[in-house]
Amino acid sequence: MKVDEVTPDVDSGALLAGAQFIDAFRIETAQAGLDARHATEAMITRQPRWIELLIALRNILVAPFGLKKSGAGTGRDMIGIFPVVSETPERLVAGFNDKHLDFRLVVDVATAGPRRNVTATTLVLTHNRFGRAYLAVILPFHRLIVPAMLRKVAD
């Protein structure tokens, strides 16, 4: 299935005021009745092994800096490693705030005739030089990971 990078179509001020990074990717699927929670679960809980290994490596590398381990241990409603911030059938917002940056993943599901468009939008607000450096390091991986996760929705 083809994943397209699209212009983000979200109210960034309401989702993460001041976000310095925003991107969005979209895939079309024939899954009738798909809602945002099920799309997010498909994306996050059925990740390819290489993504799981990258996340494990990330958690090891950030531990000395006292950063959160991908949202673990928050005690909130979680999908995979991400705490759910808000949810409707059409949109699920997940993410967390940390000392170096705040992060949101927005998964939107919209009807497109007999099909559904699933859009994953990422927003990041950095707080300091470490946050900006962290974002610069992970960005190339992010551009591979999000499309790979979206393809799991169409599987």
C-alpha atoms as a PDB file:
ATOM      1  CA  MET A   1       0.000   0.000   0.000  1.00  0.00           C
ATOM      2  CA  LYS A   2       1.171   3.471  -0.856  1.00  0.00           C
ATOM      3  CA  VAL A   3       1.756   5.997   1.926  1.00  0.00           C
ATOM      4  CA  ASP A   4       1.800   9.648   0.913  1.00  0.00           C
ATOM      5  CA  GLU A   5       3.338  12.543   2.768  1.00  0.00           C
ATOM      6  CA  VAL A   6       0.622  15.201   2.964  1.00  0.00           C
ATOM      7  CA  THR A   7       0.273  18.742   4.215  1.00  0.00           C
ATOM      8  CA  PRO A   8      -0.708  18.591   7.900  1.00  0.00           C
ATOM      9  CA  ASP A   9      -4.359  19.536   8.402  1.00  0.00           C
ATOM     10  CA  VAL A  10      -4.622  19.962  12.170  1.00  0.00           C
ATOM     11  CA  ASP A  11      -5.012  22.848  14.591  1.00  0.00           C
ATOM     12  CA  SER A  12      -1.479  22.721  15.958  1.00  0.00           C
ATOM     13  CA  GLY A  13      -2.237  25.483  18.456  1.00  0.00           C
ATOM     14  CA  ALA A  14      -4.928  23.383  20.089  1.00  0.00           C
ATOM     15  CA  LEU A  15      -2.959  20.121  19.937  1.00  0.00           C
ATOM     16  CA  LEU A  16       0.522  21.364  20.878  1.00  0.00           C
ATOM     17  CA  ALA A  17       0.859  25.140  20.998  1.00  0.00           C
ATOM     18  CA  GLY A  18       4.182  26.367  19.643  1.00  0.00           C
ATOM     19  CA  ALA A  19       5.088  23.103  17.892  1.00  0.00           C
ATOM     20  CA  GLN A  20       8.209  23.641  15.777  1.00  0.00           C
ATOM     21  CA  PHE A  21       7.892  20.395  13.825  1.00  0.00           C
ATOM     22  CA  ILE A  22       4.758  19.053  12.155  1.00  0.00           C
ATOM     23  CA  ASP A  23       4.421  16.444   9.433  1.00  0.00           C
ATOM     24  CA  ALA A  24       1.716  14.105   8.192  1.00  0.00           C
ATOM     25  CA  PHE A  25       1.443  10.858   6.239  1.00  0.00           C
ATOM     26  CA  ARG A  26      -1.709   9.261   4.818  1.00  0.00           C
ATOM     27  CA  ILE A  27      -2.767   5.823   3.611  1.00  0.00           C
ATOM     28  CA  GLU A  28      -6.040   4.638   2.116  1.00  0.00           C
ATOM     29  CA  THR A  29      -7.673   1.425   3.297  1.00  0.00           C
ATOM     30  CA  ALA A  30     -10.784  -0.555   2.399  1.00  0.00           C
ATOM     31  CA  GLN A  31     -11.530  -1.398   6.043  1.00  0.00           C
ATOM     32  CA  ALA A  32     -15.110  -0.218   6.494  1.00  0.00           C
ATOM     33  CA  GLY A  33     -15.971   0.763  10.029  1.00  0.00           C
ATOM     34  CA  LEU A  34     -12.366   1.525  10.977  1.00  0.00           C
ATOM     35  CA  ASP A  35     -12.148   4.098  13.769  1.00  0.00           C
ATOM     36  CA  ALA A  36      -9.198   6.070  15.121  1.00  0.00           C
ATOM     37  CA  ARG A  37      -8.510   3.761  18.085  1.00  0.00           C
ATOM     38  CA  HIS A  38      -8.386   0.638  15.930  1.00  0.00           C
ATOM     39  CA  ALA A  39      -6.200   2.388  13.344  1.00  0.00           C
ATOM     40  CA  THR A  40      -3.810   3.547  16.078  1.00  0.00           C
ATOM     41  CA  GLU A  41      -3.729   0.085  17.638  1.00  0.00           C
ATOM     42  CA  ALA A  42      -2.910  -1.463  14.256  1.00  0.00           C
ATOM     43  CA  MET A  43      -0.117   1.062  13.745  1.00  0.00           C
ATOM     44  CA  ILE A  44       1.461   0.803  17.156  1.00  0.00           C
ATOM     45  CA  THR A  45       0.880  -2.701  18.461  1.00  0.00           C
ATOM     46  CA  ARG A  46       1.877  -4.545  15.284  1.00  0.00           C
ATOM     47  CA  GLN A  47       5.163  -2.785  14.577  1.00  0.00           C
ATOM     48  CA  PRO A  48       7.844  -4.389  12.451  1.00  0.00           C
ATOM     49  CA  ARG A  49      10.680  -5.887  14.511  1.00  0.00           C
ATOM     50  CA  TRP A  50      13.173  -3.287  13.263  1.00  0.00           C
ATOM     51  CA  ILE A  51      11.045  -0.510  14.799  1.00  0.00           C
ATOM     52  CA  GLU A  52      10.862  -2.348  18.133  1.00  0.00           C
ATOM     53  CA  LEU A  53      14.659  -2.662  18.100  1.00  0.00           C
ATOM     54  CA  LEU A  54      15.095   1.053  17.366  1.00  0.00           C
ATOM     55  CA  ILE A  55      12.764   1.961  20.255  1.00  0.00           C
ATOM     56  CA  ALA A  56      14.650  -0.371  22.605  1.00  0.00           C
ATOM     57  CA  LEU A  57      17.942   1.233  21.526  1.00  0.00           C
ATOM     58  CA  ARG A  58      16.448   4.703  22.027  1.00  0.00           C
ATOM     59  CA  ASN A  59      15.365   3.786  25.559  1.00  0.00           C
ATOM     60  CA  ILE A  60      18.863   2.563  26.421  1.00  0.00           C
ATOM     61  CA  LEU A  61      20.519   5.674  24.980  1.00  0.00           C
ATOM     62  CA  VAL A  62      18.256   8.207  26.726  1.00  0.00           C
ATOM     63  CA  ALA A  63      18.265   6.517  30.159  1.00  0.00           C
ATOM     64  CA  PRO A  64      21.413   8.366  31.360  1.00  0.00           C
ATOM     65  CA  PHE A  65      19.714  11.679  30.544  1.00  0.00           C
ATOM     66  CA  GLY A  66      16.662  10.927  32.695  1.00  0.00           C
ATOM     67  CA  LEU A  67      14.242  11.026  29.764  1.00  0.00           C
ATOM     68  CA  LYS A  68      10.988   9.108  29.701  1.00  0.00           C
ATOM     69  CA  LYS A  69      11.136   5.670  28.158  1.00  0.00           C
ATOM     70  CA  SER A  70       8.595   6.169  25.373  1.00  0.00           C
ATOM     71  CA  GLY A  71       5.718   6.962  27.720  1.00  0.00           C
ATOM     72  CA  ALA A  72       6.134   3.858  29.869  1.00  0.00           C
ATOM     73  CA  GLY A  73       4.801   3.845  33.384  1.00  0.00           C
ATOM     74  CA  THR A  74       2.385   6.759  33.126  1.00  0.00           C
ATOM     75  CA  GLY A  75      -0.598   4.796  34.489  1.00  0.00           C
ATOM     76  CA  ARG A  76      -2.813   6.311  31.788  1.00  0.00           C
ATOM     77  CA  ASP A  77      -4.781   4.743  28.970  1.00  0.00           C
ATOM     78  CA  MET A  78      -2.039   3.493  26.670  1.00  0.00           C
ATOM     79  CA  ILE A  79      -1.780   2.175  23.149  1.00  0.00           C
ATOM     80  CA  GLY A  80       1.537   0.410  22.946  1.00  0.00           C
ATOM     81  CA  ILE A  81       4.130   2.827  24.304  1.00  0.00           C
ATOM     82  CA  PHE A  82       1.972   5.943  23.882  1.00  0.00           C
ATOM     83  CA  PRO A  83      -0.378   7.491  26.463  1.00  0.00           C
ATOM     84  CA  VAL A  84      -3.747   8.505  24.974  1.00  0.00           C
ATOM     85  CA  VAL A  85      -4.349  12.234  25.411  1.00  0.00           C
ATOM     86  CA  SER A  86      -7.817  12.456  23.819  1.00  0.00           C
ATOM     87  CA  GLU A  87     -10.057  10.333  21.639  1.00  0.00           C
ATOM     88  CA  THR A  88     -13.095  10.423  19.377  1.00  0.00           C
ATOM     89  CA  PRO A  89     -14.086   7.828  16.771  1.00  0.00           C
ATOM     90  CA  GLU A  90     -12.503  10.041  14.070  1.00  0.00           C
ATOM     91  CA  ARG A  91      -9.368  11.192  15.945  1.00  0.00           C
ATOM     92  CA  LEU A  92      -7.020   9.814  18.554  1.00  0.00           C
ATOM     93  CA  VAL A  93      -4.292  11.987  20.068  1.00  0.00           C
ATOM     94  CA  ALA A  94      -1.430  10.270  21.873  1.00  0.00           C
ATOM     95  CA  GLY A  95       1.805  11.610  23.258  1.00  0.00           C
ATOM     96  CA  PHE A  96       3.605  12.923  26.289  1.00  0.00           C
ATOM     97  CA  ASN A  97       5.588  15.835  27.645  1.00  0.00           C
ATOM     98  CA  ASP A  98       9.201  15.507  28.707  1.00  0.00           C
ATOM     99  CA  LYS A  99      11.913  17.920  29.771  1.00  0.00           C
ATOM    100  CA  HIS A 100      13.559  18.021  26.324  1.00  0.00           C
ATOM    101  CA  LEU A 101      10.423  18.020  24.145  1.00  0.00           C
ATOM    102  CA  ASP A 102       6.669  17.475  23.982  1.00  0.00           C
ATOM    103  CA  PHE A 103       5.300  15.062  21.388  1.00  0.00           C
ATOM    104  CA  ARG A 104       1.877  14.315  19.911  1.00  0.00           C
ATOM    105  CA  LEU A 105       0.760  11.683  17.431  1.00  0.00           C
ATOM    106  CA  VAL A 106      -2.630  12.453  15.893  1.00  0.00           C
ATOM    107  CA  VAL A 107      -4.388   9.652  14.006  1.00  0.00           C
ATOM    108  CA  ASP A 108      -7.362  10.798  11.933  1.00  0.00           C
ATOM    109  CA  VAL A 109      -9.754   8.470  10.093  1.00  0.00           C
ATOM    110  CA  ALA A 110     -11.977   9.987   7.396  1.00  0.00           C
ATOM    111  CA  THR A 111     -14.419   8.377   4.999  1.00  0.00           C
ATOM    112  CA  ALA A 112     -13.463   8.645   1.341  1.00  0.00           C
ATOM    113  CA  GLY A 113     -16.336   6.989  -0.537  1.00  0.00           C
ATOM    114  CA  PRO A 114     -16.238   3.259   0.240  1.00  0.00           C
ATOM    115  CA  ARG A 115     -12.700   3.592   1.635  1.00  0.00           C
ATOM    116  CA  ARG A 116     -11.071   5.250   4.635  1.00  0.00           C
ATOM    117  CA  ASN A 117      -8.146   7.653   4.721  1.00  0.00           C
ATOM    118  CA  VAL A 118      -5.939   7.260   7.761  1.00  0.00           C
ATOM    119  CA  THR A 119      -3.631  10.194   8.467  1.00  0.00           C
ATOM    120  CA  ALA A 120      -0.859  10.188  11.065  1.00  0.00           C
ATOM    121  CA  THR A 121       0.289  13.672  12.041  1.00  0.00           C
ATOM    122  CA  THR A 122       3.278  14.222  14.305  1.00  0.00           C
ATOM    123  CA  LEU A 123       3.828  17.419  16.277  1.00  0.00           C
ATOM    124  CA  VAL A 124       6.919  18.220  18.341  1.00  0.00           C
ATOM    125  CA  LEU A 125       7.712  21.148  20.610  1.00  0.00           C
ATOM    126  CA  THR A 126      11.345  21.261  21.725  1.00  0.00           C
ATOM    127  CA  HIS A 127      12.303  22.938  25.006  1.00  0.00           C
ATOM    128  CA  ASN A 128      16.071  23.252  24.787  1.00  0.00           C
ATOM    129  CA  ARG A 129      19.203  22.481  22.756  1.00  0.00           C
ATOM    130  CA  PHE A 130      19.062  18.840  23.781  1.00  0.00           C
ATOM    131  CA  GLY A 131      15.489  18.593  22.464  1.00  0.00           C
ATOM    132  CA  ARG A 132      16.480  20.157  19.154  1.00  0.00           C
ATOM    133  CA  ALA A 133      19.484  17.827  18.851  1.00  0.00           C
ATOM    134  CA  TYR A 134      17.347  14.810  19.760  1.00  0.00           C
ATOM    135  CA  LEU A 135      14.789  15.761  17.107  1.00  0.00           C
ATOM    136  CA  ALA A 136      17.534  16.183  14.486  1.00  0.00           C
ATOM    137  CA  VAL A 137      18.900  12.701  15.280  1.00  0.00           C
ATOM    138  CA  ILE A 138      15.557  10.872  15.207  1.00  0.00           C
ATOM    139  CA  LEU A 139      14.014  12.702  12.240  1.00  0.00           C
ATOM    140  CA  PRO A 140      15.490  10.440   9.514  1.00  0.00           C
ATOM    141  CA  PHE A 141      14.186   7.392  11.425  1.00  0.00           C
ATOM    142  CA  HIS A 142      10.813   9.063  11.959  1.00  0.00           C
ATOM    143  CA  ARG A 143      10.370   9.482   8.205  1.00  0.00           C
ATOM    144  CA  LEU A 144      10.820   5.708   7.812  1.00  0.00           C
ATOM    145  CA  ILE A 145       8.897   4.611  10.896  1.00  0.00           C
ATOM    146  CA  VAL A 146       5.607   6.488  10.433  1.00  0.00           C
ATOM    147  CA  PRO A 147       4.943   5.183   6.881  1.00  0.00           C
ATOM    148  CA  ALA A 148       5.868   1.649   7.999  1.00  0.00           C
ATOM    149  CA  MET A 149       3.429   1.936  10.918  1.00  0.00           C
ATOM    150  CA  LEU A 150       0.674   3.271   8.642  1.00  0.00           C
ATOM    151  CA  ARG A 151       1.068   0.296   6.302  1.00  0.00           C
ATOM    152  CA  LYS A 152       0.019  -1.920   9.220  1.00  0.00           C
ATOM    153  CA  VAL A 153      -3.431  -0.274   9.089  1.00  0.00           C
ATOM    154  CA  ALA A 154      -3.938  -1.542   5.553  1.00  0.00           C
ATOM    155  CA  ASP A 155      -2.641  -5.097   6.243  1.00  0.00           C
END
